[in-house]
N, C-alpha and C. Protein backbone atom coordinates (compact mmCIF):
# COMPACT_ATOMS: atom_id res chain seq x y z
N UNK A 1 33.24 -44.51 -42.80
CA UNK A 1 33.39 -43.11 -42.49
C UNK A 1 32.70 -42.84 -41.15
N UNK A 2 33.39 -42.08 -40.29
CA UNK A 2 32.89 -41.79 -38.95
C UNK A 2 32.25 -40.39 -38.93
N UNK A 3 30.92 -40.28 -38.68
CA UNK A 3 30.19 -39.01 -38.68
C UNK A 3 29.87 -38.51 -37.28
N UNK A 4 30.43 -39.09 -36.26
CA UNK A 4 30.11 -38.67 -34.89
C UNK A 4 30.53 -37.22 -34.61
N UNK A 5 31.62 -36.77 -35.14
CA UNK A 5 32.10 -35.40 -34.91
C UNK A 5 31.31 -34.36 -35.67
N UNK A 6 30.62 -34.73 -36.72
CA UNK A 6 29.88 -33.79 -37.55
C UNK A 6 28.72 -33.15 -36.79
N UNK A 7 28.08 -33.86 -35.90
CA UNK A 7 26.99 -33.27 -35.12
C UNK A 7 27.52 -32.50 -33.91
N UNK A 8 28.71 -32.84 -33.44
CA UNK A 8 29.28 -32.19 -32.27
C UNK A 8 29.71 -30.75 -32.56
N UNK A 9 30.27 -30.47 -33.74
CA UNK A 9 30.76 -29.13 -34.10
C UNK A 9 29.60 -28.13 -34.20
N UNK A 10 28.48 -28.42 -34.88
CA UNK A 10 27.38 -27.45 -34.90
C UNK A 10 26.79 -27.21 -33.51
N UNK A 11 26.79 -28.23 -32.66
CA UNK A 11 26.27 -28.07 -31.31
C UNK A 11 27.17 -27.12 -30.51
N UNK A 12 28.46 -27.22 -30.66
CA UNK A 12 29.40 -26.31 -29.99
C UNK A 12 29.21 -24.88 -30.50
N UNK A 13 29.01 -24.72 -31.80
CA UNK A 13 28.79 -23.39 -32.37
C UNK A 13 27.50 -22.78 -31.82
N UNK A 14 26.46 -23.57 -31.72
CA UNK A 14 25.19 -23.09 -31.18
C UNK A 14 25.34 -22.68 -29.72
N UNK A 15 26.03 -23.47 -28.93
CA UNK A 15 26.27 -23.13 -27.52
C UNK A 15 27.09 -21.84 -27.41
N UNK A 16 28.08 -21.68 -28.27
CA UNK A 16 28.90 -20.46 -28.27
C UNK A 16 28.06 -19.24 -28.61
N UNK A 17 27.17 -19.36 -29.59
CA UNK A 17 26.31 -18.24 -29.98
C UNK A 17 25.36 -17.87 -28.83
N UNK A 18 24.81 -18.89 -28.18
CA UNK A 18 23.92 -18.64 -27.04
C UNK A 18 24.68 -17.94 -25.92
N UNK A 19 25.88 -18.37 -25.62
CA UNK A 19 26.69 -17.75 -24.56
C UNK A 19 27.02 -16.30 -24.89
N UNK A 20 27.38 -16.04 -26.15
CA UNK A 20 27.66 -14.66 -26.55
C UNK A 20 26.40 -13.81 -26.40
N UNK A 21 25.23 -14.34 -26.77
CA UNK A 21 23.97 -13.63 -26.62
C UNK A 21 23.67 -13.31 -25.16
N UNK A 22 23.93 -14.25 -24.27
CA UNK A 22 23.71 -14.02 -22.84
C UNK A 22 24.64 -12.94 -22.32
N UNK A 23 25.87 -12.97 -22.72
CA UNK A 23 26.85 -11.96 -22.28
C UNK A 23 26.45 -10.58 -22.78
N UNK A 24 26.03 -10.48 -24.04
CA UNK A 24 25.60 -9.19 -24.59
C UNK A 24 24.36 -8.69 -23.84
N UNK A 25 23.41 -9.58 -23.56
CA UNK A 25 22.19 -9.19 -22.84
C UNK A 25 22.53 -8.68 -21.44
N UNK A 26 23.41 -9.37 -20.74
CA UNK A 26 23.81 -8.94 -19.39
C UNK A 26 24.53 -7.59 -19.43
N UNK A 27 25.37 -7.39 -20.44
CA UNK A 27 26.06 -6.11 -20.57
C UNK A 27 25.07 -4.99 -20.85
N UNK A 28 24.07 -5.27 -21.68
CA UNK A 28 23.04 -4.27 -21.99
C UNK A 28 22.23 -3.91 -20.75
N UNK A 29 21.83 -4.90 -19.98
CA UNK A 29 21.08 -4.66 -18.74
C UNK A 29 21.91 -3.85 -17.76
N UNK A 30 23.18 -4.20 -17.63
CA UNK A 30 24.07 -3.46 -16.74
C UNK A 30 24.24 -2.02 -17.17
N UNK A 31 24.36 -1.80 -18.48
CA UNK A 31 24.50 -0.45 -19.00
C UNK A 31 23.23 0.38 -18.75
N UNK A 32 22.07 -0.23 -18.96
CA UNK A 32 20.82 0.47 -18.69
C UNK A 32 20.73 0.87 -17.21
N UNK A 33 21.08 -0.03 -16.33
CA UNK A 33 21.02 0.28 -14.89
C UNK A 33 22.01 1.40 -14.55
N UNK A 34 23.20 1.34 -15.13
CA UNK A 34 24.19 2.39 -14.88
C UNK A 34 23.68 3.75 -15.37
N UNK A 35 22.95 3.77 -16.49
CA UNK A 35 22.40 5.02 -17.00
C UNK A 35 21.32 5.56 -16.08
N UNK A 36 20.53 4.67 -15.48
CA UNK A 36 19.50 5.10 -14.53
C UNK A 36 20.14 5.68 -13.26
N UNK A 37 21.20 5.03 -12.80
CA UNK A 37 21.93 5.54 -11.62
C UNK A 37 22.51 6.92 -11.93
N UNK A 38 23.03 7.09 -13.14
CA UNK A 38 23.58 8.39 -13.54
C UNK A 38 22.48 9.44 -13.59
N UNK A 39 21.30 9.08 -14.09
CA UNK A 39 20.16 10.02 -14.13
C UNK A 39 19.75 10.42 -12.72
N UNK A 40 19.74 9.46 -11.80
CA UNK A 40 19.39 9.74 -10.41
C UNK A 40 20.40 10.70 -9.78
N UNK A 41 21.68 10.51 -10.08
CA UNK A 41 22.72 11.41 -9.57
C UNK A 41 22.54 12.82 -10.14
N UNK A 42 22.12 12.91 -11.41
CA UNK A 42 21.90 14.21 -12.03
C UNK A 42 20.77 14.95 -11.32
N UNK A 43 19.67 14.26 -11.02
CA UNK A 43 18.55 14.89 -10.32
C UNK A 43 18.98 15.32 -8.92
N UNK A 44 19.73 14.48 -8.24
CA UNK A 44 20.23 14.81 -6.89
C UNK A 44 21.10 16.07 -6.95
N UNK A 45 21.98 16.15 -7.95
CA UNK A 45 22.83 17.34 -8.11
C UNK A 45 21.98 18.59 -8.35
N UNK A 46 20.97 18.47 -9.22
CA UNK A 46 20.09 19.61 -9.50
C UNK A 46 19.37 20.06 -8.22
N UNK A 47 18.90 19.10 -7.44
CA UNK A 47 18.18 19.42 -6.19
C UNK A 47 19.11 20.06 -5.17
N UNK A 48 20.33 19.53 -5.03
CA UNK A 48 21.28 20.12 -4.09
C UNK A 48 21.62 21.56 -4.47
N UNK A 49 21.80 21.79 -5.77
CA UNK A 49 22.09 23.14 -6.25
C UNK A 49 20.89 24.06 -5.98
N UNK A 50 19.69 23.56 -6.22
CA UNK A 50 18.48 24.32 -5.97
C UNK A 50 18.34 24.70 -4.50
N UNK A 51 18.57 23.74 -3.60
CA UNK A 51 18.48 24.02 -2.16
C UNK A 51 19.50 25.07 -1.76
N UNK A 52 20.68 25.03 -2.36
CA UNK A 52 21.70 26.03 -2.08
C UNK A 52 21.23 27.42 -2.50
N UNK A 53 20.65 27.53 -3.70
CA UNK A 53 20.11 28.82 -4.15
C UNK A 53 18.99 29.30 -3.24
N UNK A 54 18.13 28.37 -2.86
CA UNK A 54 16.98 28.75 -2.04
C UNK A 54 17.40 29.14 -0.62
N UNK A 55 18.51 28.62 -0.15
CA UNK A 55 19.02 29.01 1.17
C UNK A 55 19.30 30.50 1.20
N UNK A 56 19.87 31.03 0.12
CA UNK A 56 20.14 32.47 0.08
C UNK A 56 18.83 33.25 -0.05
N UNK A 57 17.85 32.67 -0.73
CA UNK A 57 16.55 33.32 -0.85
C UNK A 57 15.88 33.45 0.51
N UNK A 58 15.87 32.36 1.27
CA UNK A 58 15.22 32.34 2.58
C UNK A 58 15.97 33.20 3.58
N UNK A 59 17.30 33.18 3.51
CA UNK A 59 18.09 33.95 4.48
C UNK A 59 18.04 35.45 4.17
N UNK A 60 17.51 35.83 3.00
CA UNK A 60 17.39 37.24 2.64
C UNK A 60 16.47 38.01 3.58
N UNK A 61 15.58 37.29 4.25
CA UNK A 61 14.77 37.92 5.28
C UNK A 61 13.40 38.40 4.86
N UNK A 62 13.28 39.18 3.78
CA UNK A 62 12.00 39.79 3.44
C UNK A 62 11.14 38.82 2.63
N UNK A 63 9.94 38.58 3.11
CA UNK A 63 8.98 37.74 2.41
C UNK A 63 7.79 38.61 2.00
N UNK A 64 7.40 38.54 0.73
CA UNK A 64 6.25 39.31 0.24
C UNK A 64 4.97 38.76 0.87
N UNK A 65 4.12 39.65 1.34
CA UNK A 65 2.84 39.26 1.92
C UNK A 65 1.85 39.06 0.76
N UNK A 66 1.45 37.80 0.53
CA UNK A 66 0.56 37.51 -0.60
C UNK A 66 -0.85 38.07 -0.38
N UNK A 67 -1.20 38.38 0.87
CA UNK A 67 -2.53 38.94 1.15
C UNK A 67 -2.57 40.46 0.94
N UNK A 68 -1.42 41.09 0.77
CA UNK A 68 -1.34 42.53 0.57
C UNK A 68 -1.08 42.81 -0.92
N UNK A 69 -2.08 43.28 -1.66
CA UNK A 69 -1.90 43.51 -3.10
C UNK A 69 -0.89 44.61 -3.42
N UNK A 70 -0.53 45.43 -2.44
CA UNK A 70 0.43 46.50 -2.68
C UNK A 70 1.87 46.07 -2.40
N UNK A 71 2.04 44.93 -1.76
CA UNK A 71 3.39 44.45 -1.45
C UNK A 71 4.05 43.99 -2.75
N UNK A 72 5.31 44.41 -2.94
CA UNK A 72 5.98 44.12 -4.21
C UNK A 72 6.80 42.84 -4.13
N UNK A 73 6.94 42.22 -5.29
CA UNK A 73 7.73 40.99 -5.42
C UNK A 73 9.20 41.36 -5.35
N UNK A 74 9.93 40.76 -4.40
CA UNK A 74 11.34 41.12 -4.24
C UNK A 74 12.27 39.92 -4.30
N UNK A 75 12.07 38.96 -3.44
CA UNK A 75 13.02 37.85 -3.32
C UNK A 75 12.54 36.66 -4.15
N UNK A 76 13.04 36.61 -5.38
CA UNK A 76 12.71 35.50 -6.28
C UNK A 76 13.98 34.95 -6.91
N UNK A 77 13.90 33.71 -7.32
CA UNK A 77 14.98 33.06 -8.07
C UNK A 77 14.32 32.24 -9.17
N UNK A 78 14.68 32.51 -10.41
CA UNK A 78 14.26 31.67 -11.52
C UNK A 78 15.42 30.74 -11.82
N UNK A 79 15.13 29.46 -11.82
CA UNK A 79 16.18 28.45 -11.94
C UNK A 79 15.81 27.48 -13.05
N UNK A 80 16.78 27.22 -13.92
CA UNK A 80 16.58 26.26 -14.99
C UNK A 80 16.99 24.87 -14.49
N UNK A 81 16.09 23.93 -14.64
CA UNK A 81 16.37 22.55 -14.27
C UNK A 81 16.44 21.71 -15.54
N UNK A 82 17.52 20.97 -15.68
CA UNK A 82 17.67 20.03 -16.80
C UNK A 82 17.52 18.64 -16.22
N UNK A 83 16.33 18.10 -16.39
CA UNK A 83 15.99 16.82 -15.78
C UNK A 83 16.02 15.71 -16.81
N UNK A 84 16.60 14.55 -16.45
CA UNK A 84 16.77 13.47 -17.42
C UNK A 84 15.43 12.87 -17.87
N UNK A 85 15.45 12.28 -19.05
CA UNK A 85 14.23 11.68 -19.62
C UNK A 85 13.70 10.54 -18.77
N UNK A 86 14.56 9.88 -17.99
CA UNK A 86 14.13 8.77 -17.14
C UNK A 86 13.38 9.23 -15.89
N UNK A 87 13.29 10.55 -15.66
CA UNK A 87 12.59 11.05 -14.48
C UNK A 87 11.10 10.75 -14.59
N UNK A 88 10.55 10.13 -13.55
CA UNK A 88 9.11 9.89 -13.49
C UNK A 88 8.43 11.14 -12.95
N UNK A 89 8.93 11.65 -11.83
CA UNK A 89 8.38 12.87 -11.23
C UNK A 89 9.39 13.47 -10.26
N UNK A 90 9.16 14.74 -9.97
CA UNK A 90 9.83 15.41 -8.86
C UNK A 90 8.76 16.26 -8.18
N UNK A 91 8.68 16.15 -6.87
CA UNK A 91 7.67 16.89 -6.11
C UNK A 91 8.32 17.80 -5.09
N UNK A 92 8.03 19.07 -5.19
CA UNK A 92 8.53 20.05 -4.22
C UNK A 92 7.46 20.22 -3.16
N UNK A 93 7.71 19.69 -1.97
CA UNK A 93 6.76 19.79 -0.88
C UNK A 93 5.73 18.67 -0.86
N UNK A 94 5.91 17.68 -1.69
CA UNK A 94 4.93 16.59 -1.78
C UNK A 94 5.56 15.30 -2.28
N UNK A 95 5.05 14.20 -1.76
CA UNK A 95 5.32 12.89 -2.34
C UNK A 95 4.13 12.62 -3.26
N UNK A 96 4.28 12.86 -4.57
CA UNK A 96 3.13 12.76 -5.46
C UNK A 96 2.61 11.34 -5.67
N UNK A 97 3.41 10.35 -5.32
CA UNK A 97 2.98 8.95 -5.47
C UNK A 97 3.17 8.23 -4.14
N UNK A 98 2.47 8.71 -3.13
CA UNK A 98 2.62 8.20 -1.78
C UNK A 98 2.29 6.70 -1.69
N UNK A 99 1.32 6.25 -2.49
CA UNK A 99 0.90 4.84 -2.47
C UNK A 99 1.74 3.95 -3.37
N UNK A 100 2.68 4.53 -4.12
CA UNK A 100 3.51 3.79 -5.07
C UNK A 100 2.68 3.02 -6.09
N UNK A 101 1.58 3.64 -6.53
CA UNK A 101 0.72 2.98 -7.52
C UNK A 101 0.83 3.61 -8.91
N UNK A 102 1.71 4.59 -9.05
CA UNK A 102 1.91 5.23 -10.35
C UNK A 102 0.94 6.35 -10.64
N UNK A 103 0.00 6.62 -9.75
CA UNK A 103 -0.97 7.70 -9.94
C UNK A 103 -0.51 8.89 -9.10
N UNK A 104 -0.23 10.01 -9.78
CA UNK A 104 0.26 11.20 -9.09
C UNK A 104 -0.90 11.99 -8.53
N UNK A 105 -0.75 12.40 -7.27
CA UNK A 105 -1.78 13.17 -6.57
C UNK A 105 -1.16 14.43 -5.98
N UNK A 106 -1.97 15.48 -5.87
CA UNK A 106 -1.49 16.72 -5.26
C UNK A 106 -1.75 16.67 -3.76
N UNK A 107 -1.23 17.64 -3.06
CA UNK A 107 -1.36 17.73 -1.62
C UNK A 107 -0.06 18.23 -1.01
N UNK A 108 0.17 17.90 0.25
CA UNK A 108 1.39 18.29 0.96
C UNK A 108 1.93 17.10 1.73
N UNK A 109 3.23 17.06 1.88
CA UNK A 109 3.91 16.07 2.70
C UNK A 109 4.83 16.83 3.65
N UNK A 110 4.79 16.49 4.94
CA UNK A 110 5.68 17.10 5.95
C UNK A 110 5.64 18.62 5.89
N UNK A 111 4.44 19.18 5.77
CA UNK A 111 4.23 20.62 5.69
C UNK A 111 4.99 21.26 4.53
N UNK A 112 5.31 20.47 3.52
CA UNK A 112 5.96 21.00 2.33
C UNK A 112 7.46 21.14 2.42
N UNK A 113 8.08 20.60 3.47
CA UNK A 113 9.53 20.75 3.67
C UNK A 113 10.29 19.54 3.15
N UNK A 114 10.10 19.22 1.88
CA UNK A 114 10.75 18.04 1.31
C UNK A 114 10.76 18.13 -0.21
N UNK A 115 11.62 17.31 -0.81
CA UNK A 115 11.64 17.14 -2.26
C UNK A 115 11.68 15.64 -2.51
N UNK A 116 10.71 15.12 -3.25
CA UNK A 116 10.67 13.71 -3.64
C UNK A 116 10.94 13.61 -5.13
N UNK A 117 11.67 12.58 -5.53
CA UNK A 117 11.87 12.33 -6.96
C UNK A 117 12.03 10.84 -7.21
N UNK A 118 11.71 10.45 -8.44
CA UNK A 118 11.78 9.03 -8.81
C UNK A 118 12.26 8.92 -10.25
N UNK A 119 13.23 8.01 -10.44
CA UNK A 119 13.72 7.66 -11.76
C UNK A 119 13.09 6.33 -12.15
N UNK A 120 12.67 6.20 -13.40
CA UNK A 120 12.05 4.98 -13.90
C UNK A 120 12.91 3.75 -13.57
N UNK A 121 12.31 2.78 -12.92
CA UNK A 121 12.99 1.54 -12.60
C UNK A 121 13.77 1.55 -11.29
N UNK A 122 13.82 2.68 -10.60
CA UNK A 122 14.53 2.78 -9.33
C UNK A 122 13.54 3.20 -8.24
N UNK A 123 13.98 3.14 -7.00
CA UNK A 123 13.14 3.55 -5.87
C UNK A 123 13.08 5.07 -5.80
N UNK A 124 11.99 5.58 -5.21
CA UNK A 124 11.90 7.02 -5.04
C UNK A 124 12.88 7.47 -3.96
N UNK A 125 13.31 8.70 -4.09
CA UNK A 125 14.25 9.31 -3.15
C UNK A 125 13.61 10.54 -2.54
N UNK A 126 14.07 10.90 -1.36
CA UNK A 126 13.54 12.08 -0.68
C UNK A 126 14.69 12.89 -0.09
N UNK A 127 14.54 14.19 -0.15
CA UNK A 127 15.45 15.13 0.51
C UNK A 127 14.60 15.87 1.55
N UNK A 128 14.88 15.64 2.81
CA UNK A 128 14.16 16.32 3.89
C UNK A 128 14.83 17.64 4.17
N UNK A 129 14.04 18.68 4.27
CA UNK A 129 14.55 20.03 4.49
C UNK A 129 14.06 20.56 5.82
N UNK A 130 14.71 21.63 6.32
CA UNK A 130 14.23 22.19 7.58
C UNK A 130 12.97 23.03 7.34
N UNK A 131 12.38 23.48 8.40
CA UNK A 131 11.06 24.16 8.34
C UNK A 131 11.09 25.49 7.59
N UNK A 132 12.27 26.04 7.30
CA UNK A 132 12.34 27.28 6.52
C UNK A 132 11.91 27.05 5.07
N UNK A 133 11.98 25.80 4.63
CA UNK A 133 11.64 25.44 3.25
C UNK A 133 10.26 24.77 3.23
N UNK A 134 9.24 25.58 3.04
CA UNK A 134 7.88 25.05 2.93
C UNK A 134 7.38 25.42 1.53
N UNK A 135 7.47 24.45 0.62
CA UNK A 135 7.08 24.71 -0.76
C UNK A 135 5.56 24.77 -0.90
N UNK A 136 5.09 25.69 -1.74
CA UNK A 136 3.68 25.80 -2.09
C UNK A 136 3.58 26.13 -3.58
N UNK A 137 2.61 25.49 -4.24
CA UNK A 137 2.38 25.80 -5.65
C UNK A 137 1.70 27.15 -5.76
N UNK A 138 2.13 27.93 -6.74
CA UNK A 138 1.55 29.24 -6.96
C UNK A 138 0.66 29.28 -8.19
N UNK A 139 -0.20 30.30 -8.24
CA UNK A 139 -1.01 30.55 -9.43
C UNK A 139 -1.05 32.05 -9.66
N UNK A 140 -1.24 32.43 -10.90
CA UNK A 140 -1.25 33.84 -11.29
C UNK A 140 -2.69 34.33 -11.34
N UNK A 141 -2.99 35.40 -10.59
CA UNK A 141 -4.38 35.89 -10.54
C UNK A 141 -4.63 37.08 -11.46
N UNK A 142 -3.71 37.37 -12.35
CA UNK A 142 -3.88 38.49 -13.28
C UNK A 142 -2.82 39.56 -13.13
N UNK A 143 -2.36 39.78 -11.88
CA UNK A 143 -1.31 40.79 -11.69
C UNK A 143 -0.23 40.36 -10.71
N UNK A 144 -0.42 39.20 -10.04
CA UNK A 144 0.61 38.73 -9.10
C UNK A 144 0.41 37.25 -8.81
N UNK A 145 1.44 36.65 -8.27
CA UNK A 145 1.41 35.22 -7.93
C UNK A 145 0.93 35.04 -6.50
N UNK A 146 0.03 34.09 -6.32
CA UNK A 146 -0.54 33.79 -5.01
C UNK A 146 -0.39 32.30 -4.71
N UNK A 147 -0.63 31.93 -3.46
CA UNK A 147 -0.58 30.53 -3.06
C UNK A 147 -1.89 29.86 -3.47
N UNK A 148 -1.77 28.77 -4.20
CA UNK A 148 -2.94 28.02 -4.66
C UNK A 148 -3.69 27.43 -3.47
N UNK A 149 -5.02 27.48 -3.51
CA UNK A 149 -5.85 26.86 -2.47
C UNK A 149 -6.63 25.71 -3.06
N UNK A 150 -6.70 24.57 -2.40
CA UNK A 150 -6.03 24.27 -1.14
C UNK A 150 -4.52 24.20 -1.37
N UNK A 151 -3.78 24.50 -0.31
CA UNK A 151 -2.32 24.53 -0.42
C UNK A 151 -1.79 23.17 -0.81
N UNK A 152 -0.83 23.18 -1.74
CA UNK A 152 -0.24 21.93 -2.21
C UNK A 152 1.16 22.19 -2.72
N UNK A 153 1.92 21.10 -2.84
CA UNK A 153 3.26 21.18 -3.39
C UNK A 153 3.21 21.28 -4.90
N UNK A 154 4.39 21.44 -5.49
CA UNK A 154 4.52 21.58 -6.94
C UNK A 154 5.09 20.30 -7.53
N UNK A 155 4.47 19.79 -8.58
CA UNK A 155 4.88 18.52 -9.18
C UNK A 155 5.33 18.74 -10.62
N UNK A 156 6.49 18.16 -10.96
CA UNK A 156 6.93 18.06 -12.35
C UNK A 156 6.78 16.60 -12.74
N UNK A 157 6.05 16.37 -13.81
CA UNK A 157 5.75 15.02 -14.28
C UNK A 157 6.60 14.72 -15.52
N UNK A 158 7.74 14.03 -15.34
CA UNK A 158 8.60 13.67 -16.45
C UNK A 158 9.80 14.58 -16.60
N UNK A 159 10.75 14.11 -17.38
CA UNK A 159 11.99 14.84 -17.59
C UNK A 159 11.83 15.95 -18.62
N UNK A 160 12.91 16.69 -18.82
CA UNK A 160 12.94 17.80 -19.77
C UNK A 160 13.63 18.99 -19.16
N UNK A 161 13.56 20.10 -19.86
CA UNK A 161 14.16 21.34 -19.39
C UNK A 161 13.04 22.25 -18.89
N UNK A 162 13.18 22.74 -17.67
CA UNK A 162 12.15 23.55 -17.05
C UNK A 162 12.78 24.81 -16.46
N UNK A 163 12.03 25.89 -16.49
CA UNK A 163 12.41 27.10 -15.76
C UNK A 163 11.36 27.31 -14.69
N UNK A 164 11.78 27.18 -13.44
CA UNK A 164 10.88 27.38 -12.31
C UNK A 164 11.27 28.66 -11.58
N UNK A 165 10.26 29.35 -11.08
CA UNK A 165 10.50 30.55 -10.29
C UNK A 165 10.10 30.26 -8.86
N UNK A 166 11.00 30.58 -7.94
CA UNK A 166 10.79 30.39 -6.51
C UNK A 166 10.77 31.78 -5.88
N UNK A 167 9.75 32.03 -5.04
CA UNK A 167 9.62 33.33 -4.39
C UNK A 167 9.38 33.11 -2.90
N UNK A 168 10.04 33.91 -2.09
CA UNK A 168 9.88 33.86 -0.64
C UNK A 168 8.67 34.73 -0.29
N UNK A 169 7.61 34.10 0.24
CA UNK A 169 6.37 34.81 0.54
C UNK A 169 5.91 34.47 1.96
N UNK A 170 4.91 35.27 2.43
CA UNK A 170 4.30 34.95 3.71
C UNK A 170 2.79 35.08 3.58
N UNK A 171 2.12 34.32 4.40
CA UNK A 171 0.65 34.35 4.46
C UNK A 171 0.27 34.04 5.89
N UNK A 172 -0.49 34.94 6.50
CA UNK A 172 -0.95 34.77 7.89
C UNK A 172 0.21 34.50 8.84
N UNK A 173 1.32 35.21 8.64
CA UNK A 173 2.46 35.10 9.54
C UNK A 173 3.40 33.92 9.27
N UNK A 174 3.04 33.03 8.36
CA UNK A 174 3.89 31.88 8.02
C UNK A 174 4.62 32.16 6.71
N UNK A 175 5.89 31.75 6.62
CA UNK A 175 6.65 31.96 5.39
C UNK A 175 6.66 30.68 4.56
N UNK A 176 6.69 30.87 3.25
CA UNK A 176 6.66 29.77 2.29
C UNK A 176 7.58 30.09 1.11
N UNK A 177 7.90 29.05 0.35
CA UNK A 177 8.57 29.24 -0.92
C UNK A 177 7.54 28.91 -1.99
N UNK A 178 7.11 29.94 -2.69
CA UNK A 178 6.12 29.80 -3.75
C UNK A 178 6.82 29.30 -5.00
N UNK A 179 6.27 28.27 -5.63
CA UNK A 179 6.87 27.67 -6.83
C UNK A 179 5.88 27.82 -7.97
N UNK A 180 6.38 28.32 -9.09
CA UNK A 180 5.56 28.37 -10.30
C UNK A 180 6.45 28.34 -11.52
N UNK A 181 5.85 28.03 -12.63
CA UNK A 181 6.58 27.96 -13.89
C UNK A 181 5.90 28.91 -14.87
N UNK A 182 6.63 29.91 -15.28
CA UNK A 182 6.06 30.86 -16.23
C UNK A 182 6.16 30.33 -17.65
N UNK A 183 7.26 29.66 -17.96
CA UNK A 183 7.34 29.02 -19.28
C UNK A 183 8.08 27.71 -19.16
N UNK A 184 7.36 26.67 -19.45
CA UNK A 184 7.94 25.34 -19.48
C UNK A 184 8.20 25.04 -20.96
N UNK A 185 9.43 24.64 -21.26
CA UNK A 185 9.72 24.32 -22.64
C UNK A 185 10.37 22.93 -22.70
N UNK A 186 10.14 22.30 -23.81
CA UNK A 186 10.71 20.98 -24.10
C UNK A 186 10.44 19.96 -23.01
N UNK A 187 9.19 19.86 -22.50
CA UNK A 187 8.94 18.85 -21.46
C UNK A 187 8.92 17.44 -22.03
């Protein structure tokens, strides 16, 4: 009796199973990457839409003087952002991870005329804006929103649904877009 073929058939089956496993793993990796690319496109779309809204805010002309307590709030836009779970951060007026070390820091980048964002596993992206868009983080002092000191950009850490309010303000003759969140839900 010839048993040479008996060991060859299980070896072929094992090789076939390994090949199927490799193909499934590659398909899974490709699908994950495609989902990250889709998340990045979603953030880019949200940012482009936001810049479009803010263009009308800035072109409206009147900026509230934050140093004048009698000046009334007029030009504001509250915007809902639906950011994907893969979002690491988005910075309005700041690159929160300038050193690419994963530690987010506050401050300003390019006088606040930029939006930086990063999706997990991908490179950070930046949208450079003209000087009319100078983002500043705001804080509530009890009866009105003011520019936080020291001046810094606004950072969202992670995905979720956010409602941000943007207001066209001025301080010492310079105009800014004040950013604050009155209610953040489902972060």
